[in-house]
Amino acid sequence: MRSIQLSALLLALFAAPLWAGLVETHFPGKSETDVAAEFEAGLPKLLTEGLSAVAKPRMYALVNKAEVFVQLTAVEGEQTTWTTLVPTGWYAEQAEYAYDVYGKDYKFKLSELPPAGVAFWLRPQGRSAALIVSLACWLAAKGELMLADAELAALVPLDGREKERETLKKEIDDWLCAKLGWSAPGGLETIATHDLDHNEDGWLLLSKEAAAEHFKDLDKEAKKAFKELEKLQGADVKSKPGQRKNSPGMRLAILEKYIQRWERRYTGTAFLAKKGAKEDLEAMLEAVKADMAWIETEKYKAERFGIDGDWNAAARAYDQMQRADPLNPDVVIWTAEAWSKAAKITDGGRKADDPAAAKRAAGLYEQLLAIFPKAMGYHNHAGLNWLAAGDKGRAKEHHEEVIRRTDGIKDLSESDKKNREFAEGQLKLMK
């Protein structure tokens, strides 16, 4: 794709404005330059309207070479504020986290908004064709021709309405061909795409030659990506569930969907067409499913230990499950609770029969905070167990964080009130 993007940019810089159909149809009498300028001038209004929408503008942005997932929280003239999004819940059916704003803010001037970010939140679904055409003009002016291609391609869905949008498709084809220097007498090919990192399906409109180049680049990528996929699974499909040599690098429920989506991304490549490639993917998928089924079975055994009052045995059993699915917060919670009970904490955390078990629980609650940083109750659980483990300093840090996050808030929820009261009590206890 890089070579396509580079040639596209060069052609965009030198090509004469010979096309008129797409822009003229939606913006009679206006030049493409005017349309792009008007789109940028209208961004404050679009963003402000987005603030009052149920689904507020979200985007991925690179900050100091690290990608952040953020949501728009303020628009002030030329300045926009975007707040970090963190997991706050779980959609089991989709195997996806629910996100909410929490933590660090990022400021972007309108002129500094990443084009890919704007394209992400201003997706074609539910938008007028004119708005997407103006977005494409703006993206082209920014040198992002393949992003413009993807946005326009989504205007002609493959759902039986192609005939209805035949004229629009021809105008898009002509505009892209003129911009990119392509020749496509019979029209551009619609190529399905999938963004693995962000779980986004899409399309590109490509000439026959560009499509061949696209799949050639995708094939090169697939070879390296498959090795990374093997690592995510743990590079062990032969061992029995619960006995894999390595832990997975992704929550198993997400990994199951990811493997299926991986095939979707690389469909059409020579790599995936090779004998055995699909069998290898199927073996990975079956290993993940087997591990999830094993955890469900082992959970009943661990619960039985707890019912019998043997919390050390329960905790060790949960530990095995946690090794098999270390990024699953449900499993981490079960394990943390079992170790905390095995510690037999009394006197508000100042005593414990097994301080080492309390230390193990405290570390697990901190793992949960890494997944769900907005979940205040885990701070209190971590603090209680650190105190029982003999680390008063770390205990105080967690309880003080609860106080800091509830200070000055008049309408605290019942849950937040209880968390604050507990934290206050623990801090008094530690004086």
Protein backbone atom coordinates (compact mmCIF):
# COMPACT_ATOMS: atom_id res chain seq x y z
CA MET A 1 0.00 0.00 0.00
CA ARG A 2 2.92 2.41 0.63
CA SER A 3 3.90 2.43 -3.02
CA ILE A 4 0.27 3.10 -3.99
CA GLN A 5 0.10 5.99 -1.53
CA LEU A 6 3.42 7.47 -2.70
CA SER A 7 2.52 7.37 -6.39
CA ALA A 8 -0.93 8.73 -5.51
CA LEU A 9 0.55 11.70 -3.68
CA LEU A 10 2.97 12.54 -6.50
CA LEU A 11 0.21 12.39 -9.08
CA ALA A 12 -2.04 14.53 -6.92
CA LEU A 13 0.59 17.23 -6.77
CA PHE A 14 1.10 17.41 -10.52
CA ALA A 15 -2.20 16.34 -12.06
CA ALA A 16 -4.32 19.02 -13.74
CA PRO A 17 -7.92 19.40 -12.51
CA LEU A 18 -9.51 17.66 -15.48
CA TRP A 19 -12.35 16.06 -13.49
CA ALA A 20 -15.50 17.91 -12.59
CA GLY A 21 -18.35 15.41 -12.33
CA LEU A 22 -18.17 14.39 -8.66
CA VAL A 23 -17.54 17.85 -7.24
CA GLU A 24 -19.81 19.64 -9.71
CA THR A 25 -22.73 17.30 -8.96
CA HIS A 26 -22.63 17.97 -5.22
CA PHE A 27 -21.20 21.50 -5.20
CA PRO A 28 -22.29 23.25 -8.42
CA GLY A 29 -20.01 26.09 -9.44
CA LYS A 30 -17.41 25.42 -6.74
CA SER A 31 -13.84 24.29 -7.21
CA GLU A 32 -12.40 21.36 -5.33
CA THR A 33 -10.10 23.76 -3.47
CA ASP A 34 -13.15 25.76 -2.33
CA VAL A 35 -14.92 22.58 -1.18
CA ALA A 36 -11.89 21.45 0.84
CA ALA A 37 -11.52 24.90 2.44
CA GLU A 38 -15.22 25.04 3.32
CA PHE A 39 -15.03 21.57 4.86
CA GLU A 40 -12.17 22.65 7.13
CA ALA A 41 -13.98 25.88 8.02
CA GLY A 42 -17.06 23.82 8.94
CA LEU A 43 -15.20 21.42 11.23
CA PRO A 44 -15.95 23.44 14.43
CA LYS A 45 -19.69 23.18 13.75
CA LEU A 46 -19.49 19.46 12.91
CA LEU A 47 -17.50 18.76 16.06
CA THR A 48 -19.75 20.89 18.28
CA GLU A 49 -22.80 19.07 16.94
CA GLY A 50 -21.00 15.81 17.69
CA LEU A 51 -20.63 16.80 21.35
CA SER A 52 -24.40 16.69 21.80
CA ALA A 53 -24.81 13.40 19.92
CA VAL A 54 -25.21 10.05 21.67
CA ALA A 55 -22.23 8.64 19.78
CA LYS A 56 -19.65 11.37 20.27
CA PRO A 57 -16.67 11.81 17.94
CA ARG A 58 -13.88 9.35 18.68
CA MET A 59 -10.57 8.85 16.95
CA TYR A 60 -7.16 7.24 17.13
CA ALA A 61 -4.25 9.66 17.13
CA LEU A 62 -0.47 9.34 17.28
CA VAL A 63 1.04 11.27 20.18
CA ASN A 64 4.80 10.96 20.62
CA LYS A 65 4.73 7.89 18.33
CA ALA A 66 2.18 6.14 20.58
CA GLU A 67 -1.42 5.63 19.50
CA VAL A 68 -4.13 6.95 21.81
CA PHE A 69 -7.88 6.29 21.63
CA VAL A 70 -9.75 9.46 22.51
CA GLN A 71 -13.19 11.08 22.54
CA LEU A 72 -14.03 14.71 21.90
CA THR A 73 -14.89 16.54 25.13
CA ALA A 74 -14.61 20.25 24.21
CA VAL A 75 -14.47 22.63 21.25
CA GLU A 76 -13.25 26.16 21.88
CA GLY A 77 -12.72 28.11 18.68
CA GLU A 78 -9.72 26.61 16.91
CA GLN A 79 -8.87 24.39 19.88
CA THR A 80 -10.33 20.94 20.49
CA THR A 81 -9.95 18.72 23.57
CA TRP A 82 -9.98 14.95 23.36
CA THR A 83 -9.99 12.72 26.46
CA THR A 84 -8.53 9.22 26.74
CA LEU A 85 -10.97 6.34 26.43
CA VAL A 86 -10.56 3.37 28.78
CA PRO A 87 -12.43 0.05 29.12
CA THR A 88 -15.38 0.24 31.52
CA GLY A 89 -17.44 -2.81 30.57
CA TRP A 90 -17.66 -5.86 28.35
CA TYR A 91 -19.91 -6.84 25.47
CA ALA A 92 -19.74 -10.63 25.63
CA GLU A 93 -21.51 -11.27 22.33
CA GLN A 94 -19.20 -9.02 20.35
CA ALA A 95 -16.17 -9.88 22.52
CA GLU A 96 -15.40 -6.17 22.81
CA TYR A 97 -14.90 -3.75 25.65
CA ALA A 98 -17.18 -0.80 26.27
CA TYR A 99 -15.23 2.45 26.64
CA ASP A 100 -15.69 5.70 28.51
CA VAL A 101 -13.64 8.87 28.96
CA TYR A 102 -11.13 8.91 31.79
CA GLY A 103 -7.69 10.32 32.37
CA LYS A 104 -5.42 12.39 30.17
CA ASP A 105 -6.63 15.14 27.84
CA TYR A 106 -5.07 15.91 24.48
CA LYS A 107 -5.34 19.27 22.72
CA PHE A 108 -5.48 19.55 18.93
CA LYS A 109 -5.87 22.69 16.89
CA LEU A 110 -8.27 22.22 14.00
CA SER A 111 -5.37 22.48 11.57
CA GLU A 112 -3.53 19.73 13.50
CA LEU A 113 -6.33 17.16 13.59
CA PRO A 114 -5.00 13.91 12.10
CA PRO A 115 -6.75 13.24 8.76
CA ALA A 116 -7.13 9.53 9.62
CA GLY A 117 -8.81 10.53 12.89
CA VAL A 118 -11.29 12.82 11.14
CA ALA A 119 -12.03 10.08 8.60
CA PHE A 120 -12.56 7.58 11.43
CA TRP A 121 -15.26 9.52 13.30
CA LEU A 122 -16.87 11.02 10.21
CA ARG A 123 -17.67 7.66 8.64
CA PRO A 124 -20.01 7.51 5.61
CA GLN A 125 -22.73 5.44 7.30
CA GLY A 126 -25.64 7.78 7.95
CA ARG A 127 -23.87 10.76 6.35
CA SER A 128 -24.91 12.57 3.18
CA ALA A 129 -22.98 11.88 0.00
CA ALA A 130 -22.17 15.60 -0.24
CA LEU A 131 -20.52 15.61 3.20
CA ILE A 132 -18.37 12.60 2.33
CA VAL A 133 -17.40 14.11 -1.01
CA SER A 134 -16.29 17.28 0.79
CA LEU A 135 -14.35 15.12 3.29
CA ALA A 136 -12.67 13.34 0.36
CA CYS A 137 -11.67 16.68 -1.18
CA TRP A 138 -10.19 17.75 2.18
CA LEU A 139 -8.33 14.45 2.57
CA ALA A 140 -6.96 14.76 -0.97
CA ALA A 141 -5.75 18.29 -0.19
CA LYS A 142 -3.92 16.80 2.81
CA GLY A 143 -2.26 14.22 0.54
CA GLU A 144 -4.36 11.36 1.95
CA LEU A 145 -5.72 9.97 -1.30
CA MET A 146 -6.18 6.40 -0.15
CA LEU A 147 -8.17 7.59 2.86
CA ALA A 148 -10.32 9.61 0.45
CA ASP A 149 -10.69 6.48 -1.68
CA ALA A 150 -11.89 4.44 1.32
CA GLU A 151 -14.44 7.09 2.33
CA LEU A 152 -15.87 7.35 -1.18
CA ALA A 153 -15.90 3.57 -1.68
CA ALA A 154 -18.23 3.24 1.31
CA LEU A 155 -20.80 5.42 -0.46
CA VAL A 156 -21.57 2.60 -2.89
CA PRO A 157 -22.44 -0.32 -0.60
CA LEU A 158 -22.45 -3.88 -1.86
CA ASP A 159 -25.98 -4.57 -0.68
CA GLY A 160 -28.03 -4.64 -3.84
CA ARG A 161 -28.21 -0.85 -4.25
CA GLU A 162 -25.30 -0.61 -6.67
CA LYS A 163 -27.67 0.10 -9.57
CA GLU A 164 -29.25 2.97 -7.67
CA ARG A 165 -25.83 4.51 -7.19
CA GLU A 166 -24.39 3.70 -10.61
CA THR A 167 -23.98 7.36 -11.56
CA LEU A 168 -22.33 8.17 -8.23
CA LYS A 169 -19.96 5.20 -8.64
CA LYS A 170 -18.94 6.39 -12.12
CA GLU A 171 -18.28 9.91 -10.85
CA ILE A 172 -16.20 8.53 -7.96
CA ASP A 173 -14.29 6.27 -10.36
CA ASP A 174 -13.55 9.18 -12.69
CA TRP A 175 -12.42 11.40 -9.81
CA LEU A 176 -10.10 8.72 -8.38
CA CYS A 177 -8.68 7.79 -11.77
CA ALA A 178 -7.89 11.42 -12.54
CA LYS A 179 -6.32 11.91 -9.13
CA LEU A 180 -4.32 8.70 -9.15
CA GLY A 181 -3.47 8.44 -12.83
CA TRP A 182 -5.36 5.18 -13.22
CA SER A 183 -7.16 3.83 -16.26
CA ALA A 184 -10.26 1.74 -15.66
CA PRO A 185 -12.54 1.63 -18.73
CA GLY A 186 -14.92 -0.83 -17.07
CA GLY A 187 -14.85 0.94 -13.70
CA LEU A 188 -12.75 0.44 -10.59
CA GLU A 189 -12.83 -2.82 -8.65
CA THR A 190 -14.33 -2.80 -5.16
CA ILE A 191 -11.89 -4.50 -2.79
CA ALA A 192 -12.98 -5.43 0.75
CA THR A 193 -10.56 -4.38 3.50
CA HIS A 194 -10.29 -5.01 7.22
CA ASP A 195 -8.37 -3.04 9.85
CA LEU A 196 -7.28 -5.65 12.40
CA ASP A 197 -6.04 -3.17 14.99
CA HIS A 198 -9.30 -1.25 15.14
CA ASN A 199 -11.77 -3.93 14.03
CA GLU A 200 -13.07 -1.90 11.09
CA ASP A 201 -14.36 -3.28 7.81
CA GLY A 202 -14.09 -1.12 4.71
CA TRP A 203 -13.54 -0.99 0.97
CA LEU A 204 -11.16 0.46 -1.58
CA LEU A 205 -11.84 1.27 -5.21
CA LEU A 206 -8.80 0.17 -7.20
CA SER A 207 -7.76 -0.25 -10.80
CA LYS A 208 -6.78 -3.74 -11.91
CA GLU A 209 -3.08 -2.87 -11.58
CA ALA A 210 -3.51 -1.15 -8.21
CA ALA A 211 -5.51 -4.13 -6.90
CA ALA A 212 -2.68 -6.48 -7.90
CA GLU A 213 -0.20 -4.24 -6.09
CA HIS A 214 -2.50 -4.05 -3.08
CA PHE A 215 -2.65 -7.85 -2.73
CA LYS A 216 1.09 -8.14 -3.35
CA ASP A 217 1.77 -5.75 -0.43
CA LEU A 218 -0.85 -7.51 1.69
CA ASP A 219 0.80 -10.85 1.00
CA LYS A 220 4.16 -9.57 2.26
CA GLU A 221 2.45 -8.24 5.37
CA ALA A 222 0.66 -11.57 5.95
CA LYS A 223 3.89 -13.53 6.36
CA LYS A 224 5.06 -11.36 9.25
CA ALA A 225 1.56 -10.96 10.67
CA PHE A 226 1.09 -14.73 10.87
CA LYS A 227 4.18 -15.08 13.08
CA GLU A 228 2.77 -12.38 15.36
CA LEU A 229 -0.56 -14.22 15.43
CA GLU A 230 1.19 -17.42 16.52
CA LYS A 231 2.84 -15.50 19.37
CA LEU A 232 -0.52 -14.10 20.45
CA GLN A 233 -1.88 -17.62 20.78
CA GLY A 234 1.22 -18.74 22.66
CA ALA A 235 2.81 -20.64 19.76
CA ASP A 236 1.51 -23.93 21.13
CA VAL A 237 -1.52 -25.65 19.62
CA LYS A 238 -0.42 -29.18 20.51
CA SER A 239 -0.35 -29.16 24.32
CA LYS A 240 -3.46 -29.91 26.30
CA PRO A 241 -5.61 -27.01 27.57
CA GLY A 242 -4.16 -25.57 30.76
CA GLN A 243 -0.71 -26.89 29.83
CA ARG A 244 0.33 -24.51 27.05
CA LYS A 245 4.00 -23.55 27.09
CA ASN A 246 3.19 -19.83 26.89
CA SER A 247 0.27 -17.65 27.94
CA PRO A 248 -1.70 -15.87 25.20
CA GLY A 249 -1.00 -12.21 24.49
CA MET A 250 -4.67 -11.34 24.17
CA ARG A 251 -7.83 -12.13 26.11
CA LEU A 252 -8.98 -15.51 24.74
CA ALA A 253 -12.49 -14.33 23.85
CA ILE A 254 -10.99 -11.46 21.85
CA LEU A 255 -8.31 -13.70 20.35
CA GLU A 256 -10.98 -16.07 19.04
CA LYS A 257 -12.60 -13.23 17.06
CA TYR A 258 -9.19 -11.83 16.11
CA ILE A 259 -8.14 -15.09 14.42
CA GLN A 260 -11.38 -15.09 12.44
CA ARG A 261 -10.85 -11.44 11.48
CA TRP A 262 -7.22 -12.18 10.58
CA GLU A 263 -8.46 -14.50 7.85
CA ARG A 264 -10.84 -11.79 6.66
CA ARG A 265 -8.02 -9.27 6.33
CA TYR A 266 -5.76 -11.54 4.31
CA THR A 267 -8.38 -13.21 2.11
CA GLY A 268 -7.21 -13.05 -1.50
CA THR A 269 -3.49 -13.23 -0.69
CA ALA A 270 -1.15 -15.91 -1.97
CA PHE A 271 -0.18 -16.64 1.63
CA LEU A 272 -3.68 -17.63 2.64
CA ALA A 273 -4.15 -19.63 -0.55
CA LYS A 274 -1.19 -21.87 0.33
CA LYS A 275 -1.91 -25.44 1.33
CA GLY A 276 -2.13 -25.71 5.07
CA ALA A 277 -2.57 -21.99 5.84
CA LYS A 278 -6.26 -22.29 6.68
CA GLU A 279 -5.62 -25.50 8.59
CA ASP A 280 -3.04 -23.66 10.72
CA LEU A 281 -5.58 -20.93 11.46
CA GLU A 282 -8.20 -23.52 12.33
CA ALA A 283 -5.77 -25.27 14.69
CA MET A 284 -5.15 -21.97 16.49
CA LEU A 285 -8.85 -21.29 16.70
CA GLU A 286 -9.57 -24.75 18.10
CA ALA A 287 -6.79 -24.36 20.68
CA VAL A 288 -8.29 -21.06 21.88
CA LYS A 289 -11.78 -22.56 22.09
CA ALA A 290 -10.42 -25.56 23.99
CA ASP A 291 -8.67 -23.29 26.50
CA MET A 292 -11.88 -21.33 27.11
CA ALA A 293 -13.86 -24.54 27.61
CA TRP A 294 -11.16 -25.85 29.99
CA ILE A 295 -11.40 -22.68 32.10
CA GLU A 296 -15.16 -23.08 32.43
CA THR A 297 -14.72 -26.67 33.64
CA GLU A 298 -11.89 -25.82 36.03
CA LYS A 299 -13.88 -22.94 37.47
CA TYR A 300 -16.39 -25.37 38.97
CA LYS A 301 -13.57 -27.31 40.62
CA ALA A 302 -12.08 -24.13 42.09
CA GLU A 303 -15.50 -23.01 43.34
CA ARG A 304 -15.89 -26.35 45.10
CA PHE A 305 -12.62 -25.77 46.97
CA GLY A 306 -13.99 -22.41 48.09
CA ILE A 307 -17.30 -23.90 49.23
CA ASP A 308 -15.31 -26.40 51.29
CA GLY A 309 -13.34 -23.52 52.84
CA ASP A 310 -10.00 -24.47 51.28
CA TRP A 311 -9.17 -21.07 49.80
CA ASN A 312 -5.49 -21.87 49.28
CA ALA A 313 -6.44 -24.77 47.00
CA ALA A 314 -9.04 -22.57 45.27
CA ALA A 315 -6.48 -19.79 44.74
CA ARG A 316 -3.94 -22.20 43.24
CA ALA A 317 -6.61 -23.57 40.90
CA TYR A 318 -7.57 -20.06 39.81
CA ASP A 319 -3.87 -19.30 39.29
CA GLN A 320 -3.73 -22.05 36.67
CA MET A 321 -6.75 -20.54 34.92
CA GLN A 322 -5.22 -17.10 35.10
CA ARG A 323 -2.07 -18.35 33.42
CA ALA A 324 -4.23 -19.71 30.60
CA ASP A 325 -6.10 -16.41 30.15
CA PRO A 326 -4.10 -13.70 31.97
CA LEU A 327 -5.80 -10.72 30.30
CA ASN A 328 -9.32 -11.87 31.16
CA PRO A 329 -10.46 -9.61 34.02
CA ASP A 330 -13.12 -12.13 35.10
CA VAL A 331 -10.43 -14.73 35.74
CA VAL A 332 -8.21 -12.15 37.45
CA ILE A 333 -11.09 -11.18 39.77
CA TRP A 334 -11.74 -14.82 40.75
CA THR A 335 -8.05 -15.31 41.45
CA ALA A 336 -7.66 -12.08 43.42
CA GLU A 337 -10.69 -12.81 45.60
CA ALA A 338 -9.48 -16.35 46.31
CA TRP A 339 -6.00 -15.21 47.39
CA SER A 340 -7.49 -12.43 49.52
CA LYS A 341 -9.70 -14.97 51.31
CA ALA A 342 -6.77 -17.37 51.63
CA ALA A 343 -4.86 -14.57 53.43
CA LYS A 344 -7.52 -14.49 56.20
CA ILE A 345 -7.32 -10.73 56.73
CA THR A 346 -8.58 -9.29 60.04
CA ASP A 347 -8.45 -6.04 62.02
CA GLY A 348 -9.08 -3.88 58.95
CA GLY A 349 -6.06 -5.28 57.19
CA ARG A 350 -3.58 -4.90 60.02
CA LYS A 351 -3.43 -8.66 60.47
CA ALA A 352 -3.30 -11.62 58.09
CA ASP A 353 -2.65 -15.30 58.61
CA ASP A 354 -0.90 -15.43 55.22
CA PRO A 355 0.68 -12.07 54.22
CA ALA A 356 2.13 -13.65 51.05
CA ALA A 357 -1.39 -14.53 49.88
CA ALA A 358 -2.48 -10.93 50.55
CA LYS A 359 0.49 -9.65 48.51
CA ARG A 360 -0.52 -11.89 45.62
CA ALA A 361 -4.10 -10.57 45.82
CA ALA A 362 -2.91 -6.96 45.92
CA GLY A 363 -0.87 -7.44 42.74
CA LEU A 364 -3.85 -8.97 40.99
CA TYR A 365 -6.10 -6.06 41.94
CA GLU A 366 -3.49 -3.77 40.41
CA GLN A 367 -3.66 -5.86 37.23
CA LEU A 368 -7.40 -5.23 37.19
CA LEU A 369 -6.78 -1.50 37.53
CA ALA A 370 -4.51 -1.67 34.48
CA ILE A 371 -7.49 -3.05 32.51
CA PHE A 372 -10.23 -0.97 34.17
CA PRO A 373 -8.48 2.18 35.51
CA LYS A 374 -11.81 3.87 36.19
CA ALA A 375 -12.96 1.12 38.60
CA MET A 376 -12.39 2.82 41.96
CA GLY A 377 -13.29 -0.18 44.12
CA TYR A 378 -10.19 -2.06 43.00
CA HIS A 379 -8.07 0.62 44.66
CA ASN A 380 -9.65 -0.17 48.01
CA HIS A 381 -9.22 -3.91 47.50
CA ALA A 382 -5.58 -3.40 46.54
CA GLY A 383 -5.01 -1.09 49.51
CA LEU A 384 -6.55 -3.51 52.01
CA ASN A 385 -4.40 -6.38 50.75
CA TRP A 386 -1.19 -4.31 50.62
CA LEU A 387 -1.75 -3.35 54.25
CA ALA A 388 -2.28 -7.02 55.15
CA ALA A 389 0.92 -7.83 53.23
CA GLY A 390 2.83 -5.30 55.39
CA ASP A 391 3.23 -2.53 52.78
CA LYS A 392 1.50 0.46 54.38
CA GLY A 393 2.94 2.89 51.82
CA ARG A 394 1.36 1.20 48.82
CA ALA A 395 -1.87 0.73 50.75
CA LYS A 396 -2.07 4.48 51.44
CA GLU A 397 -1.45 5.33 47.79
CA HIS A 398 -4.51 3.35 46.71
CA HIS A 399 -6.85 4.75 49.37
CA GLU A 400 -5.60 8.30 48.77
CA GLU A 401 -6.40 7.86 45.08
CA VAL A 402 -10.02 7.08 46.02
CA ILE A 403 -10.16 10.29 48.10
CA ARG A 404 -8.59 12.34 45.31
CA ARG A 405 -11.09 11.07 42.75
CA THR A 406 -14.12 11.80 44.93
CA ASP A 407 -13.03 15.18 46.32
CA GLY A 408 -15.27 18.12 45.46
CA ILE A 409 -17.95 16.00 43.79
CA LYS A 410 -21.38 16.82 45.22
CA ASP A 411 -23.50 14.13 43.58
CA LEU A 412 -21.51 10.99 44.26
CA SER A 413 -23.15 7.69 43.40
CA GLU A 414 -23.89 5.30 46.27
CA SER A 415 -21.03 3.12 45.13
CA ASP A 416 -18.58 6.04 45.10
CA LYS A 417 -19.79 7.17 48.55
CA LYS A 418 -19.13 3.72 49.98
CA ASN A 419 -15.71 3.58 48.37
CA ARG A 420 -14.79 6.97 49.80
CA GLU A 421 -16.04 6.04 53.27
CA PHE A 422 -14.02 2.82 53.20
CA ALA A 423 -10.90 4.65 52.03
CA GLU A 424 -11.30 7.28 54.77
CA GLY A 425 -11.68 4.55 57.37
CA GLN A 426 -8.56 2.73 56.18
CA LEU A 427 -6.47 5.92 56.17
CA LYS A 428 -7.52 6.66 59.76
CA LEU A 429 -6.64 3.11 60.69
CA MET A 430 -3.13 3.56 59.30
CA LYS A 431 -2.30 6.77 61.20
